[in-house]
Amino acid sequence: MDVPAIEAVLREKLPQCELELVAEGNKLSVKIVSDEFAGLSRVKRQQKIYALLDDRIKSGEIHAVSMMTQTLEEAS
């Protein structure tokens, strides 16, 4: 799994986010803190991240994703 490339995609689409990625095989754990999530439900936040990772999921590069998504206020 190309973690630096995944990180670059997420940072490009979610500027000024705090991001932690951990990859084990083809499983990815993501923690993202961004005000882009303000006003979005947990499901909508996850859909946003899945959409950004869609090509890598479809290709099988990423098999499973666990994620925590928070706004800056929620994280503090």
Protein backbone atom coordinates (compact mmCIF):
# COMPACT_ATOMS: atom_id res chain seq x y z
CA MET A 1 0.00 0.00 0.00
CA ASP A 2 1.35 3.39 -1.00
CA VAL A 3 0.74 5.28 2.26
CA PRO A 4 2.51 8.50 1.16
CA ALA A 5 0.30 8.69 -1.95
CA ILE A 6 -2.84 8.09 0.12
CA GLU A 7 -1.74 10.78 2.56
CA ALA A 8 -1.14 13.19 -0.33
CA VAL A 9 -4.66 12.63 -1.70
CA LEU A 10 -6.27 13.18 1.69
CA ARG A 11 -4.20 16.30 2.40
CA GLU A 12 -4.98 17.72 -1.05
CA LYS A 13 -8.74 17.31 -0.61
CA LEU A 14 -8.81 18.17 3.11
CA PRO A 15 -6.34 21.03 3.44
CA GLN A 16 -5.12 21.95 6.90
CA CYS A 17 -6.26 18.64 8.37
CA GLU A 18 -4.53 16.72 11.13
CA LEU A 19 -3.94 13.25 9.77
CA GLU A 20 -2.70 9.93 11.12
CA LEU A 21 -2.48 6.85 8.89
CA VAL A 22 -1.53 3.34 9.92
CA ALA A 23 -1.35 0.56 7.34
CA GLU A 24 -1.13 -3.15 8.05
CA GLY A 25 -1.10 -5.18 4.86
CA ASN A 26 -4.10 -3.93 2.90
CA LYS A 27 -5.93 -2.59 5.98
CA LEU A 28 -5.85 1.13 6.66
CA SER A 29 -6.62 3.03 9.86
CA VAL A 30 -7.25 6.74 9.42
CA LYS A 31 -7.68 9.50 11.98
CA ILE A 32 -8.59 12.85 10.45
CA VAL A 33 -9.32 16.08 12.25
CA SER A 34 -10.70 18.77 9.96
CA ASP A 35 -13.29 21.50 10.02
CA GLU A 36 -14.43 20.11 6.64
CA PHE A 37 -16.54 17.74 8.76
CA ALA A 38 -18.49 20.49 10.51
CA GLY A 39 -22.23 19.89 10.18
CA LEU A 40 -21.80 16.41 8.69
CA SER A 41 -23.07 13.22 10.29
CA ARG A 42 -20.64 10.41 11.03
CA VAL A 43 -21.90 8.53 7.98
CA LYS A 44 -21.47 11.55 5.68
CA ARG A 45 -17.93 12.07 6.99
CA GLN A 46 -17.07 8.45 6.27
CA GLN A 47 -18.65 8.64 2.81
CA LYS A 48 -16.46 11.66 2.08
CA ILE A 49 -13.30 9.69 2.96
CA TYR A 50 -14.45 6.56 1.11
CA ALA A 51 -15.04 8.67 -2.01
CA LEU A 52 -11.45 9.95 -1.83
CA LEU A 53 -10.12 6.39 -1.48
CA ASP A 54 -12.53 4.79 -3.96
CA ASP A 55 -10.01 3.96 -6.71
CA ARG A 56 -7.65 2.31 -4.23
CA ILE A 57 -10.49 0.34 -2.64
CA LYS A 58 -11.79 -0.85 -6.04
CA SER A 59 -8.29 -1.91 -7.11
CA GLY A 60 -7.88 -3.98 -3.92
CA GLU A 61 -4.92 -1.92 -2.71
CA ILE A 62 -7.08 -1.10 0.31
CA HIS A 63 -9.28 -3.92 1.55
CA ALA A 64 -10.58 -2.42 4.79
CA VAL A 65 -10.66 1.06 6.28
CA SER A 66 -11.28 2.02 9.88
CA MET A 67 -11.59 5.70 10.55
CA MET A 68 -12.13 8.36 13.14
CA THR A 69 -13.28 11.71 11.80
CA GLN A 70 -13.55 14.79 13.99
CA THR A 71 -13.76 18.54 13.73
CA LEU A 72 -11.12 20.61 15.52
CA GLU A 73 -13.64 21.43 18.24
CA GLU A 74 -14.49 17.76 18.79
CA ALA A 75 -10.83 16.81 19.00
CA SER A 76 -9.99 19.41 21.64
